[in-house]
Amino acid sequence: MNAIATATAVQLMEAPEVGEKIAESILEYFADEKNRTIVDRLKNAGLNFEISESEQTLKVSEILKGLTVVITGTFEKHSREDYKRIIEENAGKVGSGVTKKTSILLAGNDCGPSKLDKATDLGVKIMNEEAFIEMIGIH
């Protein structure tokens, strides 16, 4: 919490899903003395604002660092939730829709044609489950 409260707009925008507007909102929030007092009262009441070392070291690898992966369709070896966790554990970001910022479309069975078409139009790499598993090195 201290890192967020003292961060600059640029530092805040380095976090996943934080753009200029959210960064400005955070800065405005912590610029208000009443809000800082509320946060201090929560800390004093025992609310934990720290991340444990074990939570900080959940990353398995950084193979997906800097990459955004969108998941579509159904899968045989792992669930969609498993793939979301696997992507994050390997330092990737999970996207909700295909955009120009999407790096990989993980396409399972019965995936929607609109995501495939958009990925193709944008030149996004499309991977099936087997190729993704091989790239990550999981089973």
Protein backbone atom coordinates (compact mmCIF):
# COMPACT_ATOMS: atom_id res chain seq x y z
CA MET A 1 0.00 0.00 0.00
CA ASN A 2 2.87 2.35 0.77
CA ALA A 3 4.31 1.75 -2.70
CA ILE A 4 0.97 2.63 -4.29
CA ALA A 5 0.47 5.68 -2.08
CA THR A 6 3.89 7.10 -2.95
CA ALA A 7 4.11 6.05 -6.61
CA THR A 8 4.26 8.44 -9.53
CA ALA A 9 1.79 8.25 -12.42
CA VAL A 10 4.45 6.58 -14.58
CA GLN A 11 5.14 3.96 -11.91
CA LEU A 12 1.42 3.25 -11.47
CA MET A 13 0.93 2.81 -15.22
CA GLU A 14 3.55 0.06 -15.22
CA ALA A 15 1.07 -2.14 -13.31
CA PRO A 16 -1.21 -4.43 -15.33
CA GLU A 17 -4.52 -2.86 -16.37
CA VAL A 18 -3.53 0.60 -15.04
CA GLY A 19 -3.75 3.35 -17.60
CA GLU A 20 -3.53 7.11 -17.37
CA LYS A 21 -7.04 7.65 -15.97
CA ILE A 22 -6.69 5.03 -13.23
CA ALA A 23 -3.25 6.36 -12.31
CA GLU A 24 -4.68 9.88 -12.04
CA SER A 25 -7.52 8.59 -9.83
CA ILE A 26 -5.06 6.87 -7.51
CA LEU A 27 -2.92 10.01 -7.25
CA GLU A 28 -6.01 12.11 -6.50
CA TYR A 29 -7.16 9.62 -3.87
CA PHE A 30 -3.86 9.71 -1.97
CA ALA A 31 -3.57 13.49 -2.33
CA ASP A 32 -6.64 13.80 -0.10
CA GLU A 33 -5.71 13.85 3.61
CA LYS A 34 -9.03 12.21 4.59
CA ASN A 35 -8.24 9.18 2.44
CA ARG A 36 -4.72 8.83 3.85
CA THR A 37 -6.25 8.97 7.35
CA ILE A 38 -8.66 6.16 6.46
CA VAL A 39 -5.81 3.99 5.17
CA ASP A 40 -3.81 4.68 8.35
CA ARG A 41 -6.81 3.76 10.52
CA LEU A 42 -7.22 0.48 8.60
CA LYS A 43 -3.52 -0.32 9.11
CA ASN A 44 -3.79 0.46 12.81
CA ALA A 45 -6.88 -1.76 13.06
CA GLY A 46 -4.78 -4.67 11.80
CA LEU A 47 -5.62 -4.82 8.09
CA ASN A 48 -2.64 -6.37 6.32
CA PHE A 49 -1.35 -4.31 3.41
CA GLU A 50 1.80 -6.37 2.85
CA ILE A 51 2.38 -9.27 0.45
CA SER A 52 4.17 -12.22 2.00
CA GLU A 53 7.39 -13.46 0.45
CA SER A 54 5.68 -16.68 -0.61
CA GLU A 55 3.02 -14.67 -2.48
CA GLN A 56 5.71 -12.58 -4.16
CA THR A 57 7.56 -15.63 -5.43
CA LEU A 58 4.65 -17.43 -7.07
CA LYS A 59 6.20 -16.88 -10.50
CA VAL A 60 7.36 -20.17 -12.01
CA SER A 61 9.23 -18.50 -14.85
CA GLU A 62 9.28 -15.30 -16.84
CA ILE A 63 8.76 -16.99 -20.20
CA LEU A 64 5.65 -14.87 -20.84
CA LYS A 65 7.04 -11.62 -19.42
CA GLY A 66 5.75 -8.69 -21.44
CA LEU A 67 3.20 -10.86 -23.27
CA THR A 68 -0.59 -10.71 -23.12
CA VAL A 69 -2.44 -13.97 -23.73
CA VAL A 70 -6.14 -14.17 -24.57
CA ILE A 71 -7.85 -17.50 -23.93
CA THR A 72 -10.78 -18.74 -26.02
CA GLY A 73 -12.56 -22.06 -26.43
CA THR A 74 -12.47 -25.22 -24.34
CA PHE A 75 -9.47 -27.33 -23.46
CA GLU A 76 -8.73 -30.98 -22.75
CA LYS A 77 -5.65 -30.93 -20.53
CA HIS A 78 -6.32 -27.90 -18.30
CA SER A 79 -9.29 -25.66 -17.50
CA ARG A 80 -9.46 -22.03 -18.55
CA GLU A 81 -8.88 -21.04 -14.90
CA ASP A 82 -5.78 -23.26 -14.85
CA TYR A 83 -4.46 -21.54 -17.97
CA LYS A 84 -5.08 -18.10 -16.44
CA ARG A 85 -3.06 -19.15 -13.38
CA ILE A 86 -0.32 -20.70 -15.55
CA ILE A 87 -0.03 -17.51 -17.63
CA GLU A 88 0.28 -15.34 -14.52
CA GLU A 89 2.74 -17.76 -12.86
CA ASN A 90 4.93 -17.39 -15.93
CA ALA A 91 4.86 -13.56 -15.74
CA GLY A 92 2.26 -13.08 -18.50
CA LYS A 93 -0.90 -11.03 -18.52
CA VAL A 94 -4.31 -12.49 -19.28
CA GLY A 95 -6.34 -10.38 -21.70
CA SER A 96 -10.09 -10.50 -22.08
CA GLY A 97 -10.35 -9.58 -25.73
CA VAL A 98 -8.08 -9.58 -28.77
CA THR A 99 -6.48 -6.18 -29.31
CA LYS A 100 -3.32 -4.86 -30.91
CA LYS A 101 -1.65 -5.42 -27.51
CA THR A 102 -2.47 -9.16 -27.57
CA SER A 103 0.64 -11.32 -28.05
CA ILE A 104 -0.90 -14.81 -28.17
CA LEU A 105 -4.40 -16.16 -28.70
CA LEU A 106 -4.63 -19.51 -26.90
CA ALA A 107 -7.32 -21.18 -29.00
CA GLY A 108 -9.04 -24.30 -27.71
CA ASN A 109 -11.86 -26.36 -29.16
CA ASP A 110 -15.08 -24.59 -30.12
CA CYS A 111 -13.47 -21.16 -30.02
CA GLY A 112 -15.41 -18.25 -31.39
CA PRO A 113 -14.60 -17.26 -34.97
CA SER A 114 -14.64 -13.54 -34.13
CA LYS A 115 -11.56 -13.83 -31.87
CA LEU A 116 -9.76 -15.97 -34.45
CA ASP A 117 -10.59 -13.52 -37.24
CA LYS A 118 -9.53 -10.50 -35.20
CA ALA A 119 -6.26 -12.22 -34.17
CA THR A 120 -5.55 -13.07 -37.80
CA ASP A 121 -6.31 -9.51 -38.93
CA LEU A 122 -4.00 -8.06 -36.24
CA GLY A 123 -1.20 -10.57 -36.84
CA VAL A 124 -1.53 -12.08 -33.36
CA LYS A 125 0.13 -15.47 -32.88
CA ILE A 126 -2.54 -18.19 -32.56
CA MET A 127 -1.56 -21.27 -30.53
CA ASN A 128 -3.44 -24.45 -29.78
CA GLU A 129 -3.29 -26.14 -26.39
CA GLU A 130 -0.49 -28.54 -27.31
CA ALA A 131 1.79 -25.80 -28.69
CA PHE A 132 1.18 -23.62 -25.64
CA ILE A 133 1.92 -26.48 -23.24
CA GLU A 134 5.14 -27.22 -25.11
CA MET A 135 6.21 -23.57 -25.07
CA ILE A 136 5.57 -23.23 -21.32
CA GLY A 137 7.06 -26.64 -20.53
CA ILE A 138 4.14 -28.02 -18.56
CA HIS A 139 2.20 -31.28 -18.84
